[in-house]
PDB file of N, CA and C in Angstrom:
ATOM      1  N   MET A   1     280.376 185.267  21.136  1.00  0.00           N
ATOM      2  CA  MET A   1     279.886 186.313  21.997  1.00  0.00           C
ATOM      3  C   MET A   1     280.532 186.160  23.374  1.00  0.00           C
ATOM      4  N   LYS A   2     280.937 187.268  23.955  1.00  0.00           N
ATOM      5  CA  LYS A   2     281.561 187.293  25.271  1.00  0.00           C
ATOM      6  C   LYS A   2     280.476 187.490  26.328  1.00  0.00           C
ATOM      7  N   ILE A   3     280.460 186.608  27.333  1.00  0.00           N
ATOM      8  CA  ILE A   3     279.515 186.725  28.447  1.00  0.00           C
ATOM      9  C   ILE A   3     280.279 186.538  29.752  1.00  0.00           C
ATOM     10  N   TYR A   4     280.090 187.484  30.673  1.00  0.00           N
ATOM     11  CA  TYR A   4     280.629 187.379  32.021  1.00  0.00           C
ATOM     12  C   TYR A   4     279.505 186.873  32.918  1.00  0.00           C
ATOM     13  N   ALA A   5     279.784 185.827  33.692  1.00  0.00           N
ATOM     14  CA  ALA A   5     278.745 185.240  34.536  1.00  0.00           C
ATOM     15  C   ALA A   5     279.306 184.960  35.923  1.00  0.00           C
ATOM     16  N   LYS A   6     278.445 185.080  36.924  1.00  0.00           N
ATOM     17  CA  LYS A   6     278.827 184.765  38.298  1.00  0.00           C
ATOM     18  C   LYS A   6     278.654 183.274  38.536  1.00  0.00           C
ATOM     19  N   ASN A   7     279.642 182.669  39.204  1.00  0.00           N
ATOM     20  CA  ASN A   7     279.608 181.241  39.496  1.00  0.00           C
ATOM     21  C   ASN A   7     278.642 180.974  40.648  1.00  0.00           C
ATOM     22  N   ARG A   8     277.721 180.039  40.443  1.00  0.00           N
ATOM     23  CA  ARG A   8     276.745 179.661  41.471  1.00  0.00           C
ATOM     24  C   ARG A   8     276.665 178.142  41.533  1.00  0.00           C
ATOM     25  N   ASN A   9     277.689 177.488  42.089  1.00  0.00           N
ATOM     26  CA  ASN A   9     277.699 176.032  42.100  1.00  0.00           C
ATOM     27  C   ASN A   9     277.408 175.406  43.448  1.00  0.00           C
ATOM     28  N   GLY A  10     277.155 176.201  44.487  1.00  0.00           N
ATOM     29  CA  GLY A  10     276.713 175.617  45.749  1.00  0.00           C
ATOM     30  C   GLY A  10     275.279 175.128  45.612  1.00  0.00           C
ATOM     31  N   LEU A  11     274.891 174.141  46.398  1.00  0.00           N
ATOM     32  CA  LEU A  11     273.552 173.560  46.291  1.00  0.00           C
ATOM     33  C   LEU A  11     272.462 174.609  46.455  1.00  0.00           C
ATOM     34  N   LEU A  12     272.549 175.434  47.497  1.00  0.00           N
ATOM     35  CA  LEU A  12     271.541 176.470  47.714  1.00  0.00           C
ATOM     36  C   LEU A  12     271.578 177.509  46.603  1.00  0.00           C
ATOM     37  N   GLN A  13     272.778 177.876  46.162  1.00  0.00           N
ATOM     38  CA  GLN A  13     272.902 178.858  45.083  1.00  0.00           C
ATOM     39  C   GLN A  13     272.279 178.342  43.797  1.00  0.00           C
ATOM     40  N   LYS A  14     272.473 177.055  43.500  1.00  0.00           N
ATOM     41  CA  LYS A  14     271.863 176.482  42.298  1.00  0.00           C
ATOM     42  C   LYS A  14     270.346 176.468  42.418  1.00  0.00           C
ATOM     43  N   PHE A  15     269.848 176.111  43.602  1.00  0.00           N
ATOM     44  CA  PHE A  15     268.402 176.037  43.804  1.00  0.00           C
ATOM     45  C   PHE A  15     267.763 177.423  43.655  1.00  0.00           C
ATOM     46  N   LEU A  16     268.396 178.440  44.221  1.00  0.00           N
ATOM     47  CA  LEU A  16     267.823 179.782  44.180  1.00  0.00           C
ATOM     48  C   LEU A  16     268.020 180.463  42.838  1.00  0.00           C
ATOM     49  N   GLY A  17     269.122 180.152  42.146  1.00  0.00           N
ATOM     50  CA  GLY A  17     269.355 180.752  40.833  1.00  0.00           C
ATOM     51  C   GLY A  17     269.251 182.261  40.893  1.00  0.00           C
ATOM     52  N   LEU A  18     268.362 182.822  40.084  1.00  0.00           N
ATOM     53  CA  LEU A  18     268.207 184.274  40.020  1.00  0.00           C
ATOM     54  C   LEU A  18     267.118 184.813  40.945  1.00  0.00           C
ATOM     55  N   HIS A  19     266.548 183.971  41.806  1.00  0.00           N
ATOM     56  CA  HIS A  19     265.519 184.449  42.723  1.00  0.00           C
ATOM     57  C   HIS A  19     266.085 185.558  43.608  1.00  0.00           C
ATOM     58  N   TRP A  20     265.352 186.596  43.765  1.00  0.00           N
ATOM     59  CA  TRP A  20     265.710 187.762  44.595  1.00  0.00           C
ATOM     60  C   TRP A  20     266.944 188.498  44.099  1.00  0.00           C
ATOM     61  N   HIS A  21     267.292 188.316  42.828  1.00  0.00           N
ATOM     62  CA  HIS A  21     268.461 188.998  42.275  1.00  0.00           C
ATOM     63  C   HIS A  21     268.114 189.659  40.943  1.00  0.00           C
ATOM     64  N   GLU A  22     266.971 190.275  40.866  1.00  0.00           N
ATOM     65  CA  GLU A  22     266.533 190.886  39.614  1.00  0.00           C
ATOM     66  C   GLU A  22     267.544 191.924  39.145  1.00  0.00           C
ATOM     67  N   GLY A  23     267.896 191.854  37.878  1.00  0.00           N
ATOM     68  CA  GLY A  23     268.757 192.856  37.278  1.00  0.00           C
ATOM     69  C   GLY A  23     270.246 192.614  37.479  1.00  0.00           C
ATOM     70  N   VAL A  24     270.626 191.488  38.047  1.00  0.00           N
ATOM     71  CA  VAL A  24     272.040 191.213  38.259  1.00  0.00           C
ATOM     72  C   VAL A  24     272.646 190.575  37.013  1.00  0.00           C
ATOM     73  N   ALA A  25     273.933 190.313  37.082  1.00  0.00           N
ATOM     74  CA  ALA A  25     274.650 189.703  35.969  1.00  0.00           C
ATOM     75  C   ALA A  25     274.164 188.275  35.727  1.00  0.00           C
ATOM     76  N   PRO A  26     274.449 187.740  34.558  1.00  0.00           N
ATOM     77  CA  PRO A  26     274.140 186.332  34.299  1.00  0.00           C
ATOM     78  C   PRO A  26     274.826 185.450  35.328  1.00  0.00           C
ATOM     79  N   ILE A  27     274.232 184.282  35.579  1.00  0.00           N
ATOM     80  CA  ILE A  27     274.854 183.339  36.498  1.00  0.00           C
ATOM     81  C   ILE A  27     275.146 182.035  35.761  1.00  0.00           C
ATOM     82  N   TYR A  28     276.184 181.349  36.237  1.00  0.00           N
ATOM     83  CA  TYR A  28     276.616 180.081  35.673  1.00  0.00           C
ATOM     84  C   TYR A  28     276.578 179.022  36.762  1.00  0.00           C
ATOM     85  N   PHE A  29     276.066 177.842  36.416  1.00  0.00           N
ATOM     86  CA  PHE A  29     276.147 176.701  37.320  1.00  0.00           C
ATOM     87  C   PHE A  29     276.051 175.430  36.485  1.00  0.00           C
ATOM     88  N   GLU A  30     276.324 174.313  37.129  1.00  0.00           N
ATOM     89  CA  GLU A  30     276.254 173.030  36.444  1.00  0.00           C
ATOM     90  C   GLU A  30     275.200 172.152  37.103  1.00  0.00           C
ATOM     91  N   THR A  31     274.338 171.588  36.285  1.00  0.00           N
ATOM     92  CA  THR A  31     273.313 170.657  36.747  1.00  0.00           C
ATOM     93  C   THR A  31     272.861 169.821  35.566  1.00  0.00           C
ATOM     94  N   ARG A  32     272.406 168.636  35.844  1.00  0.00           N
ATOM     95  CA  ARG A  32     271.858 167.772  34.791  1.00  0.00           C
ATOM     96  C   ARG A  32     270.350 167.598  34.960  1.00  0.00           C
ATOM     97  N   TRP A  33     269.792 168.267  35.945  1.00  0.00           N
ATOM     98  CA  TRP A  33     268.393 168.074  36.266  1.00  0.00           C
ATOM     99  C   TRP A  33     267.482 168.960  35.434  1.00  0.00           C
ATOM    100  N   GLY A  34     267.649 170.255  35.528  1.00  0.00           N
ATOM    101  CA  GLY A  34     266.788 171.210  34.852  1.00  0.00           C
ATOM    102  C   GLY A  34     266.732 172.490  35.653  1.00  0.00           C
ATOM    103  N   VAL A  35     266.000 173.481  35.146  1.00  0.00           N
ATOM    104  CA  VAL A  35     265.826 174.743  35.863  1.00  0.00           C
ATOM    105  C   VAL A  35     264.350 175.095  35.892  1.00  0.00           C
ATOM    106  N   HIS A  36     264.005 175.958  36.818  1.00  0.00           N
ATOM    107  CA  HIS A  36     262.614 176.409  36.934  1.00  0.00           C
ATOM    108  C   HIS A  36     262.583 177.906  37.204  1.00  0.00           C
ATOM    109  N   THR A  37     261.427 178.485  36.974  1.00  0.00           N
ATOM    110  CA  THR A  37     261.234 179.903  37.272  1.00  0.00           C
ATOM    111  C   THR A  37     260.083 180.092  38.254  1.00  0.00           C
ATOM    112  N   PHE A  38     259.838 179.085  39.080  1.00  0.00           N
ATOM    113  CA  PHE A  38     258.800 179.217  40.104  1.00  0.00           C
ATOM    114  C   PHE A  38     259.241 180.297  41.088  1.00  0.00           C
ATOM    115  N   GLY A  39     258.405 181.269  41.315  1.00  0.00           N
ATOM    116  CA  GLY A  39     258.727 182.348  42.242  1.00  0.00           C
ATOM    117  C   GLY A  39     259.368 183.560  41.591  1.00  0.00           C
ATOM    118  N   LEU A  40     259.790 183.451  40.340  1.00  0.00           N
ATOM    119  CA  LEU A  40     260.352 184.611  39.647  1.00  0.00           C
ATOM    120  C   LEU A  40     259.217 185.469  39.100  1.00  0.00           C
ATOM    121  N   SER A  41     259.457 186.766  39.032  1.00  0.00           N
ATOM    122  CA  SER A  41     258.425 187.665  38.520  1.00  0.00           C
ATOM    123  C   SER A  41     258.804 188.238  37.155  1.00  0.00           C
ATOM    124  N   TYR A  42     259.877 187.729  36.565  1.00  0.00           N
ATOM    125  CA  TYR A  42     260.335 188.241  35.280  1.00  0.00           C
ATOM    126  C   TYR A  42     260.898 187.076  34.461  1.00  0.00           C
ATOM    127  N   PRO A  43     260.923 187.198  33.137  1.00  0.00           N
ATOM    128  CA  PRO A  43     261.454 186.119  32.301  1.00  0.00           C
ATOM    129  C   PRO A  43     262.981 186.100  32.323  1.00  0.00           C
ATOM    130  N   ILE A  44     263.543 184.923  32.050  1.00  0.00           N
ATOM    131  CA  ILE A  44     264.989 184.792  31.933  1.00  0.00           C
ATOM    132  C   ILE A  44     265.314 184.034  30.646  1.00  0.00           C
ATOM    133  N   LEU A  45     266.521 184.240  30.159  1.00  0.00           N
ATOM    134  CA  LEU A  45     267.031 183.459  29.049  1.00  0.00           C
ATOM    135  C   LEU A  45     267.908 182.375  29.642  1.00  0.00           C
ATOM    136  N   CYS A  46     267.658 181.136  29.277  1.00  0.00           N
ATOM    137  CA  CYS A  46     268.431 180.007  29.777  1.00  0.00           C
ATOM    138  C   CYS A  46     269.183 179.394  28.596  1.00  0.00           C
ATOM    139  N   LEU A  47     270.519 179.353  28.705  1.00  0.00           N
ATOM    140  CA  LEU A  47     271.362 178.756  27.680  1.00  0.00           C
ATOM    141  C   LEU A  47     272.016 177.501  28.236  1.00  0.00           C
ATOM    142  N   ILE A  48     271.934 176.412  27.501  1.00  0.00           N
ATOM    143  CA  ILE A  48     272.593 175.168  27.873  1.00  0.00           C
ATOM    144  C   ILE A  48     273.781 175.008  26.930  1.00  0.00           C
ATOM    145  N   LEU A  49     274.964 174.789  27.520  1.00  0.00           N
ATOM    146  CA  LEU A  49     276.202 174.720  26.749  1.00  0.00           C
ATOM    147  C   LEU A  49     276.793 173.321  26.796  1.00  0.00           C
ATOM    148  N   ASN A  50     277.499 172.942  25.726  1.00  0.00           N
ATOM    149  CA  ASN A  50     278.235 171.686  25.764  1.00  0.00           C
ATOM    150  C   ASN A  50     279.608 171.938  26.381  1.00  0.00           C
ATOM    151  N   SER A  51     280.469 170.934  26.388  1.00  0.00           N
ATOM    152  CA  SER A  51     281.777 171.064  27.033  1.00  0.00           C
ATOM    153  C   SER A  51     282.687 172.063  26.322  1.00  0.00           C
ATOM    154  N   ASP A  52     282.363 172.419  25.083  1.00  0.00           N
ATOM    155  CA  ASP A  52     283.145 173.414  24.332  1.00  0.00           C
ATOM    156  C   ASP A  52     282.512 174.800  24.376  1.00  0.00           C
ATOM    157  N   ASP A  53     281.535 175.001  25.258  1.00  0.00           N
ATOM    158  CA  ASP A  53     280.810 176.272  25.410  1.00  0.00           C
ATOM    159  C   ASP A  53     280.043 176.690  24.160  1.00  0.00           C
ATOM    160  N   VAL A  54     279.532 175.713  23.447  1.00  0.00           N
ATOM    161  CA  VAL A  54     278.651 175.957  22.305  1.00  0.00           C
ATOM    162  C   VAL A  54     277.218 175.764  22.789  1.00  0.00           C
ATOM    163  N   VAL A  55     276.334 176.675  22.412  1.00  0.00           N
ATOM    164  CA  VAL A  55     274.932 176.606  22.826  1.00  0.00           C
ATOM    165  C   VAL A  55     274.260 175.413  22.148  1.00  0.00           C
ATOM    166  N   VAL A  56     273.716 174.506  22.969  1.00  0.00           N
ATOM    167  CA  VAL A  56     273.007 173.344  22.423  1.00  0.00           C
ATOM    168  C   VAL A  56     271.498 173.459  22.640  1.00  0.00           C
ATOM    169  N   LYS A  57     271.083 174.352  23.538  1.00  0.00           N
ATOM    170  CA  LYS A  57     269.657 174.559  23.807  1.00  0.00           C
ATOM    171  C   LYS A  57     269.505 175.987  24.336  1.00  0.00           C
ATOM    172  N   SER A  58     268.466 176.658  23.918  1.00  0.00           N
ATOM    173  CA  SER A  58     268.203 178.029  24.347  1.00  0.00           C
ATOM    174  C   SER A  58     266.703 178.207  24.527  1.00  0.00           C
ATOM    175  N   ARG A  59     266.317 178.812  25.640  1.00  0.00           N
ATOM    176  CA  ARG A  59     264.888 179.022  25.863  1.00  0.00           C
ATOM    177  C   ARG A  59     264.670 180.227  26.770  1.00  0.00           C
ATOM    178  N   VAL A  60     263.697 181.046  26.412  1.00  0.00           N
ATOM    179  CA  VAL A  60     263.242 182.116  27.298  1.00  0.00           C
ATOM    180  C   VAL A  60     262.158 181.510  28.179  1.00  0.00           C
ATOM    181  N   LEU A  61     262.371 181.597  29.484  1.00  0.00           N
ATOM    182  CA  LEU A  61     261.419 181.029  30.439  1.00  0.00           C
ATOM    183  C   LEU A  61     260.639 182.149  31.107  1.00  0.00           C
ATOM    184  N   LYS A  62     259.325 182.059  31.028  1.00  0.00           N
ATOM    185  CA  LYS A  62     258.462 182.988  31.753  1.00  0.00           C
ATOM    186  C   LYS A  62     258.273 182.460  33.164  1.00  0.00           C
ATOM    187  N   LYS A  63     257.695 183.265  34.029  1.00  0.00           N
ATOM    188  CA  LYS A  63     257.524 182.823  35.415  1.00  0.00           C
ATOM    189  C   LYS A  63     256.675 181.559  35.480  1.00  0.00           C
ATOM    190  N   GLY A  64     257.074 180.663  36.390  1.00  0.00           N
ATOM    191  CA  GLY A  64     256.331 179.440  36.621  1.00  0.00           C
ATOM    192  C   GLY A  64     256.587 178.314  35.636  1.00  0.00           C
ATOM    193  N   GLN A  65     257.701 178.363  34.897  1.00  0.00           N
ATOM    194  CA  GLN A  65     257.979 177.316  33.918  1.00  0.00           C
ATOM    195  C   GLN A  65     259.128 176.409  34.376  1.00  0.00           C
ATOM    196  N   LEU A  66     259.154 175.207  33.821  1.00  0.00           N
ATOM    197  CA  LEU A  66     260.193 174.223  34.073  1.00  0.00           C
ATOM    198  C   LEU A  66     260.859 173.900  32.739  1.00  0.00           C
ATOM    199  N   PHE A  67     262.182 173.782  32.750  1.00  0.00           N
ATOM    200  CA  PHE A  67     262.947 173.512  31.536  1.00  0.00           C
ATOM    201  C   PHE A  67     263.886 172.341  31.814  1.00  0.00           C
ATOM    202  N   ILE A  68     263.699 171.242  31.083  1.00  0.00           N
ATOM    203  CA  ILE A  68     264.527 170.045  31.233  1.00  0.00           C
ATOM    204  C   ILE A  68     265.142 169.746  29.869  1.00  0.00           C
ATOM    205  N   TRP A  69     266.412 169.334  29.865  1.00  0.00           N
ATOM    206  CA  TRP A  69     267.121 169.064  28.625  1.00  0.00           C
ATOM    207  C   TRP A  69     267.862 167.738  28.736  1.00  0.00           C
ATOM    208  N   ASP A  70     268.544 167.372  27.668  1.00  0.00           N
ATOM    209  CA  ASP A  70     269.337 166.148  27.604  1.00  0.00           C
ATOM    210  C   ASP A  70     270.410 166.184  28.698  1.00  0.00           C
ATOM    211  N   PRO A  71     270.458 165.195  29.582  1.00  0.00           N
ATOM    212  CA  PRO A  71     271.393 165.224  30.712  1.00  0.00           C
ATOM    213  C   PRO A  71     272.865 165.084  30.326  1.00  0.00           C
ATOM    214  N   ARG A  72     273.168 164.907  29.053  1.00  0.00           N
ATOM    215  CA  ARG A  72     274.581 164.916  28.627  1.00  0.00           C
ATOM    216  C   ARG A  72     275.198 166.290  28.843  1.00  0.00           C
ATOM    217  N   TYR A  73     274.367 167.317  28.887  1.00  0.00           N
ATOM    218  CA  TYR A  73     274.843 168.692  29.016  1.00  0.00           C
ATOM    219  C   TYR A  73     274.575 169.196  30.423  1.00  0.00           C
ATOM    220  N   LYS A  74     275.582 169.847  31.023  1.00  0.00           N
ATOM    221  CA  LYS A  74     275.419 170.291  32.403  1.00  0.00           C
ATOM    222  C   LYS A  74     275.728 171.762  32.619  1.00  0.00           C
ATOM    223  N   LYS A  75     276.284 172.440  31.633  1.00  0.00           N
ATOM    224  CA  LYS A  75     276.628 173.858  31.793  1.00  0.00           C
ATOM    225  C   LYS A  75     275.401 174.722  31.517  1.00  0.00           C
ATOM    226  N   VAL A  76     275.063 175.575  32.489  1.00  0.00           N
ATOM    227  CA  VAL A  76     273.852 176.389  32.395  1.00  0.00           C
ATOM    228  C   VAL A  76     274.199 177.865  32.603  1.00  0.00           C
ATOM    229  N   LEU A  77     273.666 178.715  31.747  1.00  0.00           N
ATOM    230  CA  LEU A  77     273.723 180.163  31.936  1.00  0.00           C
ATOM    231  C   LEU A  77     272.288 180.657  32.081  1.00  0.00           C
ATOM    232  N   GLU A  78     272.010 181.355  33.175  1.00  0.00           N
ATOM    233  CA  GLU A  78     270.718 182.022  33.352  1.00  0.00           C
ATOM    234  C   GLU A  78     270.969 183.513  33.227  1.00  0.00           C
ATOM    235  N   ILE A  79     270.234 184.143  32.335  1.00  0.00           N
ATOM    236  CA  ILE A  79     270.445 185.561  32.047  1.00  0.00           C
ATOM    237  C   ILE A  79     269.147 186.306  32.320  1.00  0.00           C
ATOM    238  N   PRO A  80     269.171 187.228  33.319  1.00  0.00           N
ATOM    239  CA  PRO A  80     267.953 187.973  33.640  1.00  0.00           C
ATOM    240  C   PRO A  80     267.702 189.074  32.614  1.00  0.00           C
ATOM    241  N   LYS A  81     266.450 189.244  32.252  1.00  0.00           N
ATOM    242  CA  LYS A  81     266.053 190.315  31.334  1.00  0.00           C
ATOM    243  C   LYS A  81     267.086 190.523  30.233  1.00  0.00           C
ATOM    244  N   PRO A  82     267.249 189.536  29.373  1.00  0.00           N
ATOM    245  CA  PRO A  82     268.307 189.595  28.370  1.00  0.00           C
ATOM    246  C   PRO A  82     268.191 190.806  27.452  1.00  0.00           C
ATOM    247  N   ASN A  83     269.350 191.393  27.153  1.00  0.00           N
ATOM    248  CA  ASN A  83     269.340 192.526  26.231  1.00  0.00           C
ATOM    249  C   ASN A  83     269.322 192.011  24.790  1.00  0.00           C
ATOM    250  N   ARG A  84     269.232 192.920  23.846  1.00  0.00           N
ATOM    251  CA  ARG A  84     269.085 192.547  22.438  1.00  0.00           C
ATOM    252  C   ARG A  84     270.271 191.730  21.943  1.00  0.00           C
ATOM    253  N   GLN A  85     271.495 192.097  22.361  1.00  0.00           N
ATOM    254  CA  GLN A  85     272.684 191.388  21.889  1.00  0.00           C
ATOM    255  C   GLN A  85     272.688 189.950  22.402  1.00  0.00           C
ATOM    256  N   ILE A  86     272.431 189.750  23.674  1.00  0.00           N
ATOM    257  CA  ILE A  86     272.437 188.399  24.237  1.00  0.00           C
ATOM    258  C   ILE A  86     271.245 187.603  23.709  1.00  0.00           C
ATOM    259  N   SER A  87     270.118 188.261  23.505  1.00  0.00           N
ATOM    260  CA  SER A  87     268.936 187.562  22.989  1.00  0.00           C
ATOM    261  C   SER A  87     269.148 187.021  21.583  1.00  0.00           C
ATOM    262  N   SER A  88     270.152 187.551  20.884  1.00  0.00           N
ATOM    263  CA  SER A  88     270.415 187.097  19.515  1.00  0.00           C
ATOM    264  C   SER A  88     271.221 185.799  19.478  1.00  0.00           C
ATOM    265  N   VAL A  89     271.655 185.287  20.636  1.00  0.00           N
ATOM    266  CA  VAL A  89     272.405 184.033  20.691  1.00  0.00           C
ATOM    267  C   VAL A  89     271.506 182.893  20.216  1.00  0.00           C
ATOM    268  N   ARG A  90     272.041 182.050  19.364  1.00  0.00           N
ATOM    269  CA  ARG A  90     271.284 180.944  18.792  1.00  0.00           C
ATOM    270  C   ARG A  90     271.993 179.615  19.061  1.00  0.00           C
ATOM    271  N   VAL A  91     271.262 178.533  18.943  1.00  0.00           N
ATOM    272  CA  VAL A  91     271.851 177.202  19.048  1.00  0.00           C
ATOM    273  C   VAL A  91     272.962 177.095  18.014  1.00  0.00           C
ATOM    274  N   GLY A  92     274.126 176.600  18.450  1.00  0.00           N
ATOM    275  CA  GLY A  92     275.288 176.481  17.576  1.00  0.00           C
ATOM    276  C   GLY A  92     276.305 177.588  17.763  1.00  0.00           C
ATOM    277  N   ASP A  93     275.923 178.686  18.427  1.00  0.00           N
ATOM    278  CA  ASP A  93     276.856 179.785  18.677  1.00  0.00           C
ATOM    279  C   ASP A  93     277.857 179.400  19.763  1.00  0.00           C
ATOM    280  N   LYS A  94     279.092 179.812  19.589  1.00  0.00           N
ATOM    281  CA  LYS A  94     280.146 179.594  20.582  1.00  0.00           C
ATOM    282  C   LYS A  94     280.147 180.772  21.554  1.00  0.00           C
ATOM    283  N   ILE A  95     280.163 180.483  22.849  1.00  0.00           N
ATOM    284  CA  ILE A  95     280.168 181.514  23.882  1.00  0.00           C
ATOM    285  C   ILE A  95     281.579 181.630  24.444  1.00  0.00           C
ATOM    286  N   ASP A  96     282.080 182.852  24.495  1.00  0.00           N
ATOM    287  CA  ASP A  96     283.356 183.130  25.161  1.00  0.00           C
ATOM    288  C   ASP A  96     283.004 183.451  26.601  1.00  0.00           C
ATOM    289  N   LEU A  97     283.025 182.435  27.450  1.00  0.00           N
ATOM    290  CA  LEU A  97     282.504 182.537  28.813  1.00  0.00           C
ATOM    291  C   LEU A  97     283.611 182.862  29.804  1.00  0.00           C
ATOM    292  N   THR A  98     283.404 183.920  30.578  1.00  0.00           N
ATOM    293  CA  THR A  98     284.286 184.254  31.692  1.00  0.00           C
ATOM    294  C   THR A  98     283.480 184.141  32.957  1.00  0.00           C
ATOM    295  N   ILE A  99     283.922 183.264  33.868  1.00  0.00           N
ATOM    296  CA  ILE A  99     283.189 183.011  35.102  1.00  0.00           C
ATOM    297  C   ILE A  99     283.890 183.731  36.247  1.00  0.00           C
ATOM    298  N   THR A 100     283.109 184.514  37.004  1.00  0.00           N
ATOM    299  CA  THR A 100     283.627 185.227  38.163  1.00  0.00           C
ATOM    300  C   THR A 100     282.989 184.676  39.426  1.00  0.00           C
ATOM    301  N   SER A 101     283.587 184.997  40.565  1.00  0.00           N
ATOM    302  CA  SER A 101     283.008 184.469  41.821  1.00  0.00           C
ATOM    303  C   SER A 101     282.076 185.469  42.456  1.00  0.00           C
TER     304      SER A 101
END
């Protein structure tokens, strides 16, 4: 599956994630800590990728949730209000990722 994502690797950008950006494109960043949806008013799809861009963990996060995964993986895609095609992504799927600034 082809996904275009905006690069968000600055410290503040990683912390804010999709906050105050409802309806925007998916975002990409790298972290080994985890993600949260504290302060968000809508659910997001969070995909964790390995170094080959294969999905190793996938979770829909509702507002106020925390998601922590195996720290071997650091590539994160946060997708706001995922559409049906993106929601069909499963663990083991290869993502054709294009990162924009």
